[in-house]
Amino acid sequence: MQLTRSNALLRALNTCAKFLRKRKIPKQAEGTALPPMTDHIAQDIGLTPSQRAQMSHRWPSEENRHPYL
């Protein structure tokens, strides 16, 4: 009886450990995001004002928030 109880306990702990391992969320690395595009950076890259405007334009289908739906 004792052997069955310890085996069941080990099996339950093993299942919980597997579940927690899969559920672990990776941490975001800090400082890996691109800096915001400023006029100075755009000029250093060689972008014209029209190219910069094209880069900042977002179509409604690219937005996550749709206020008229």
C-alpha atoms as a PDB file:
ATOM      1  CA  MET A   1       0.000   0.000   0.000  1.00  0.00           C
ATOM      2  CA  GLN A   2       2.803   2.378   0.921  1.00  0.00           C
ATOM      3  CA  LEU A   3       4.592   1.678  -2.369  1.00  0.00           C
ATOM      4  CA  THR A   4       1.466   2.451  -4.400  1.00  0.00           C
ATOM      5  CA  ARG A   5       0.939   5.702  -2.515  1.00  0.00           C
ATOM      6  CA  SER A   6       4.541   6.868  -3.067  1.00  0.00           C
ATOM      7  CA  ASN A   7       4.404   5.952  -6.764  1.00  0.00           C
ATOM      8  CA  ALA A   8       1.184   7.909  -7.201  1.00  0.00           C
ATOM      9  CA  LEU A   9       2.709  10.886  -5.417  1.00  0.00           C
ATOM     10  CA  LEU A  10       5.834  10.793  -7.606  1.00  0.00           C
ATOM     11  CA  ARG A  11       3.712  10.507 -10.738  1.00  0.00           C
ATOM     12  CA  ALA A  12       1.590  13.513  -9.681  1.00  0.00           C
ATOM     13  CA  LEU A  13       4.677  15.600  -8.909  1.00  0.00           C
ATOM     14  CA  ASN A  14       6.228  14.651 -12.243  1.00  0.00           C
ATOM     15  CA  THR A  15       3.049  15.697 -14.089  1.00  0.00           C
ATOM     16  CA  CYS A  16       2.941  19.015 -12.230  1.00  0.00           C
ATOM     17  CA  ALA A  17       6.612  19.650 -13.011  1.00  0.00           C
ATOM     18  CA  LYS A  18       6.021  19.014 -16.726  1.00  0.00           C
ATOM     19  CA  PHE A  19       3.038  21.358 -16.714  1.00  0.00           C
ATOM     20  CA  LEU A  20       4.975  24.136 -14.992  1.00  0.00           C
ATOM     21  CA  ARG A  21       7.950  23.707 -17.334  1.00  0.00           C
ATOM     22  CA  LYS A  22       5.724  24.143 -20.386  1.00  0.00           C
ATOM     23  CA  ARG A  23       3.903  27.079 -18.799  1.00  0.00           C
ATOM     24  CA  LYS A  24       7.093  29.010 -18.064  1.00  0.00           C
ATOM     25  CA  ILE A  25       7.001  32.343 -19.880  1.00  0.00           C
ATOM     26  CA  PRO A  26      10.351  33.540 -21.238  1.00  0.00           C
ATOM     27  CA  LYS A  27      11.444  36.916 -19.921  1.00  0.00           C
ATOM     28  CA  GLN A  28      11.730  39.797 -22.339  1.00  0.00           C
ATOM     29  CA  ALA A  29      15.275  40.957 -22.831  1.00  0.00           C
ATOM     30  CA  GLU A  30      15.565  44.604 -21.915  1.00  0.00           C
ATOM     31  CA  GLY A  31      17.045  47.066 -24.352  1.00  0.00           C
ATOM     32  CA  THR A  32      16.461  45.041 -27.512  1.00  0.00           C
ATOM     33  CA  ALA A  33      13.771  47.271 -29.021  1.00  0.00           C
ATOM     34  CA  LEU A  34      14.664  49.628 -31.824  1.00  0.00           C
ATOM     35  CA  PRO A  35      14.946  53.279 -30.856  1.00  0.00           C
ATOM     36  CA  PRO A  36      12.183  55.564 -32.112  1.00  0.00           C
ATOM     37  CA  MET A  37      12.810  57.081 -35.536  1.00  0.00           C
ATOM     38  CA  THR A  38      13.831  60.701 -35.065  1.00  0.00           C
ATOM     39  CA  ASP A  39      14.646  63.309 -37.683  1.00  0.00           C
ATOM     40  CA  HIS A  40      18.332  63.041 -36.851  1.00  0.00           C
ATOM     41  CA  ILE A  41      18.422  59.235 -37.240  1.00  0.00           C
ATOM     42  CA  ALA A  42      16.412  59.417 -40.483  1.00  0.00           C
ATOM     43  CA  GLN A  43      18.840  61.977 -41.862  1.00  0.00           C
ATOM     44  CA  ASP A  44      21.825  59.795 -40.871  1.00  0.00           C
ATOM     45  CA  ILE A  45      20.273  56.807 -42.635  1.00  0.00           C
ATOM     46  CA  GLY A  46      19.600  58.903 -45.704  1.00  0.00           C
ATOM     47  CA  LEU A  47      15.808  58.896 -45.710  1.00  0.00           C
ATOM     48  CA  THR A  48      13.944  61.685 -47.416  1.00  0.00           C
ATOM     49  CA  PRO A  49      10.961  63.273 -45.634  1.00  0.00           C
ATOM     50  CA  SER A  50       8.581  61.477 -48.012  1.00  0.00           C
ATOM     51  CA  GLN A  51      10.195  58.093 -47.271  1.00  0.00           C
ATOM     52  CA  ARG A  52       9.913  58.769 -43.551  1.00  0.00           C
ATOM     53  CA  ALA A  53       6.227  59.644 -43.968  1.00  0.00           C
ATOM     54  CA  GLN A  54       5.685  56.391 -45.873  1.00  0.00           C
ATOM     55  CA  MET A  55       7.338  54.415 -43.072  1.00  0.00           C
ATOM     56  CA  SER A  56       5.163  56.007 -40.395  1.00  0.00           C
ATOM     57  CA  HIS A  57       1.893  55.468 -42.300  1.00  0.00           C
ATOM     58  CA  ARG A  58      -0.269  52.633 -40.992  1.00  0.00           C
ATOM     59  CA  TRP A  59      -3.203  51.204 -42.905  1.00  0.00           C
ATOM     60  CA  PRO A  60      -6.375  50.565 -40.882  1.00  0.00           C
ATOM     61  CA  SER A  61      -5.908  46.817 -41.341  1.00  0.00           C
ATOM     62  CA  GLU A  62      -2.521  47.039 -39.566  1.00  0.00           C
ATOM     63  CA  GLU A  63      -4.019  48.581 -36.429  1.00  0.00           C
ATOM     64  CA  ASN A  64      -5.100  46.461 -33.496  1.00  0.00           C
ATOM     65  CA  ARG A  65      -7.717  48.981 -32.437  1.00  0.00           C
ATOM     66  CA  HIS A  66     -10.687  49.501 -34.721  1.00  0.00           C
ATOM     67  CA  PRO A  67     -12.906  52.235 -33.240  1.00  0.00           C
ATOM     68  CA  TYR A  68     -15.707  51.892 -35.793  1.00  0.00           C
ATOM     69  CA  LEU A  69     -16.304  48.168 -35.331  1.00  0.00           C
END
